[in-house]
Amino acid sequence: MQKLFSALMILIGFIILIFMIVVEDEPGAIPLLMILAGAVWFFGARSRIKSQQS
């Protein structure tokens, strides 16, 4: 479930980033932080799942 939410956070961050580049001609910090936080969350959840299976 956490992998799904983190992937959704990354996707929303990319959508907002593309929107901000098109509208304002510059990326914002919030979408970049959402993408970064989602990626850290995704890989952290993946490693926790792998460690519990072993």
N, C-alpha and C. Protein backbone atom coordinates (compact mmCIF):
# COMPACT_ATOMS: atom_id res chain seq x y z
N MET A 1 0.82 -1.19 0.00
CA MET A 1 0.00 0.00 0.00
C MET A 1 0.87 1.27 0.00
N GLN A 2 1.98 1.21 0.75
CA GLN A 2 2.86 2.38 0.81
C GLN A 2 3.55 2.63 -0.53
N LYS A 3 3.86 1.54 -1.25
CA LYS A 3 4.47 1.71 -2.57
C LYS A 3 3.50 2.41 -3.51
N LEU A 4 2.21 2.11 -3.40
CA LEU A 4 1.20 2.73 -4.24
C LEU A 4 1.09 4.23 -3.94
N PHE A 5 1.02 4.58 -2.65
CA PHE A 5 0.91 5.99 -2.28
C PHE A 5 2.15 6.78 -2.67
N SER A 6 3.32 6.19 -2.52
CA SER A 6 4.54 6.91 -2.89
C SER A 6 4.62 7.09 -4.41
N ALA A 7 4.22 6.07 -5.17
CA ALA A 7 4.21 6.21 -6.62
C ALA A 7 3.20 7.26 -7.06
N LEU A 8 2.07 7.32 -6.37
CA LEU A 8 1.06 8.33 -6.66
C LEU A 8 1.61 9.73 -6.35
N MET A 9 2.37 9.86 -5.29
CA MET A 9 2.97 11.14 -4.93
C MET A 9 3.98 11.58 -6.00
N ILE A 10 4.76 10.64 -6.51
CA ILE A 10 5.71 10.95 -7.59
C ILE A 10 4.96 11.39 -8.83
N LEU A 11 3.89 10.68 -9.18
CA LEU A 11 3.11 11.01 -10.38
C LEU A 11 2.49 12.40 -10.25
N ILE A 12 1.91 12.71 -9.11
CA ILE A 12 1.31 14.03 -8.90
C ILE A 12 2.38 15.12 -8.96
N GLY A 13 3.55 14.84 -8.41
CA GLY A 13 4.66 15.79 -8.48
C GLY A 13 5.08 16.07 -9.91
N PHE A 14 5.14 15.02 -10.75
CA PHE A 14 5.49 15.23 -12.16
C PHE A 14 4.42 16.02 -12.89
N ILE A 15 3.16 15.75 -12.60
CA ILE A 15 2.07 16.48 -13.25
C ILE A 15 2.12 17.96 -12.88
N ILE A 16 2.31 18.25 -11.60
CA ILE A 16 2.40 19.64 -11.16
C ILE A 16 3.64 20.31 -11.74
N LEU A 17 4.75 19.58 -11.81
CA LEU A 17 5.98 20.13 -12.38
C LEU A 17 5.79 20.50 -13.84
N ILE A 18 5.18 19.63 -14.62
CA ILE A 18 4.93 19.92 -16.04
C ILE A 18 4.00 21.11 -16.17
N PHE A 19 2.95 21.16 -15.35
CA PHE A 19 2.02 22.28 -15.38
C PHE A 19 2.74 23.60 -15.08
N MET A 20 3.59 23.60 -14.05
CA MET A 20 4.29 24.83 -13.68
C MET A 20 5.29 25.27 -14.75
N ILE A 21 5.93 24.32 -15.41
CA ILE A 21 6.86 24.68 -16.47
C ILE A 21 6.10 25.30 -17.64
N VAL A 22 4.96 24.74 -17.98
CA VAL A 22 4.17 25.26 -19.10
C VAL A 22 3.59 26.63 -18.77
N VAL A 23 3.07 26.80 -17.57
CA VAL A 23 2.39 28.04 -17.21
C VAL A 23 3.37 29.14 -16.81
N GLU A 24 4.32 28.81 -15.95
CA GLU A 24 5.21 29.84 -15.40
C GLU A 24 6.61 29.83 -15.99
N ASP A 25 6.92 28.90 -16.86
CA ASP A 25 8.23 28.77 -17.50
C ASP A 25 9.36 28.48 -16.52
N GLU A 26 9.05 27.99 -15.35
CA GLU A 26 10.10 27.58 -14.41
C GLU A 26 9.52 26.54 -13.46
N PRO A 27 10.33 25.55 -13.09
CA PRO A 27 9.84 24.55 -12.14
C PRO A 27 9.80 25.13 -10.73
N GLY A 28 8.88 24.67 -9.95
CA GLY A 28 8.79 25.13 -8.58
C GLY A 28 9.48 24.16 -7.64
N ALA A 29 9.67 24.59 -6.42
CA ALA A 29 10.34 23.75 -5.44
C ALA A 29 9.43 22.67 -4.89
N ILE A 30 8.14 22.98 -4.76
CA ILE A 30 7.22 22.02 -4.15
C ILE A 30 7.09 20.75 -5.00
N PRO A 31 6.87 20.85 -6.33
CA PRO A 31 6.81 19.60 -7.10
C PRO A 31 8.11 18.80 -7.06
N LEU A 32 9.24 19.49 -7.07
CA LEU A 32 10.51 18.79 -7.00
C LEU A 32 10.67 18.08 -5.66
N LEU A 33 10.23 18.71 -4.59
CA LEU A 33 10.28 18.07 -3.27
C LEU A 33 9.31 16.90 -3.18
N MET A 34 8.15 17.02 -3.83
CA MET A 34 7.19 15.91 -3.85
C MET A 34 7.78 14.71 -4.57
N ILE A 35 8.45 14.95 -5.69
CA ILE A 35 9.07 13.86 -6.44
C ILE A 35 10.18 13.22 -5.62
N LEU A 36 11.01 14.03 -5.00
CA LEU A 36 12.10 13.52 -4.17
C LEU A 36 11.58 12.74 -2.97
N ALA A 37 10.61 13.30 -2.28
CA ALA A 37 10.04 12.63 -1.10
C ALA A 37 9.35 11.33 -1.50
N GLY A 38 8.64 11.34 -2.62
CA GLY A 38 7.99 10.13 -3.08
C GLY A 38 8.98 9.04 -3.45
N ALA A 39 10.09 9.44 -4.07
CA ALA A 39 11.11 8.46 -4.44
C ALA A 39 11.78 7.86 -3.20
N VAL A 40 12.09 8.70 -2.22
CA VAL A 40 12.69 8.19 -0.98
C VAL A 40 11.71 7.27 -0.27
N TRP A 41 10.45 7.66 -0.23
CA TRP A 41 9.41 6.84 0.41
C TRP A 41 9.24 5.51 -0.31
N PHE A 42 9.26 5.55 -1.66
CA PHE A 42 9.10 4.33 -2.45
C PHE A 42 10.23 3.34 -2.20
N PHE A 43 11.47 3.81 -2.28
CA PHE A 43 12.60 2.91 -2.09
C PHE A 43 12.73 2.46 -0.63
N GLY A 44 12.33 3.31 0.31
CA GLY A 44 12.32 2.90 1.71
C GLY A 44 11.28 1.82 1.96
N ALA A 45 10.10 1.97 1.39
CA ALA A 45 9.05 0.95 1.54
C ALA A 45 9.46 -0.34 0.87
N ARG A 46 10.11 -0.23 -0.28
CA ARG A 46 10.55 -1.43 -1.00
C ARG A 46 11.60 -2.20 -0.20
N SER A 47 12.52 -1.47 0.41
CA SER A 47 13.55 -2.15 1.20
C SER A 47 12.97 -2.77 2.47
N ARG A 48 11.98 -2.09 3.08
CA ARG A 48 11.33 -2.66 4.26
C ARG A 48 10.56 -3.93 3.92
N ILE A 49 9.91 -3.94 2.77
CA ILE A 49 9.17 -5.13 2.33
C ILE A 49 10.13 -6.29 2.08
N LYS A 50 11.27 -6.01 1.43
CA LYS A 50 12.25 -7.05 1.17
C LYS A 50 12.86 -7.59 2.46
N SER A 51 13.11 -6.71 3.43
CA SER A 51 13.71 -7.18 4.68
C SER A 51 12.73 -8.02 5.50
N GLN A 52 11.45 -7.73 5.39
CA GLN A 52 10.44 -8.52 6.12
C GLN A 52 10.22 -9.89 5.49
N GLN A 53 10.44 -9.99 4.19
CA GLN A 53 10.26 -11.27 3.50
C GLN A 53 11.40 -12.23 3.77
N SER A 54 12.56 -11.72 4.09
CA SER A 54 13.73 -12.57 4.32
C SER A 54 13.74 -13.17 5.70
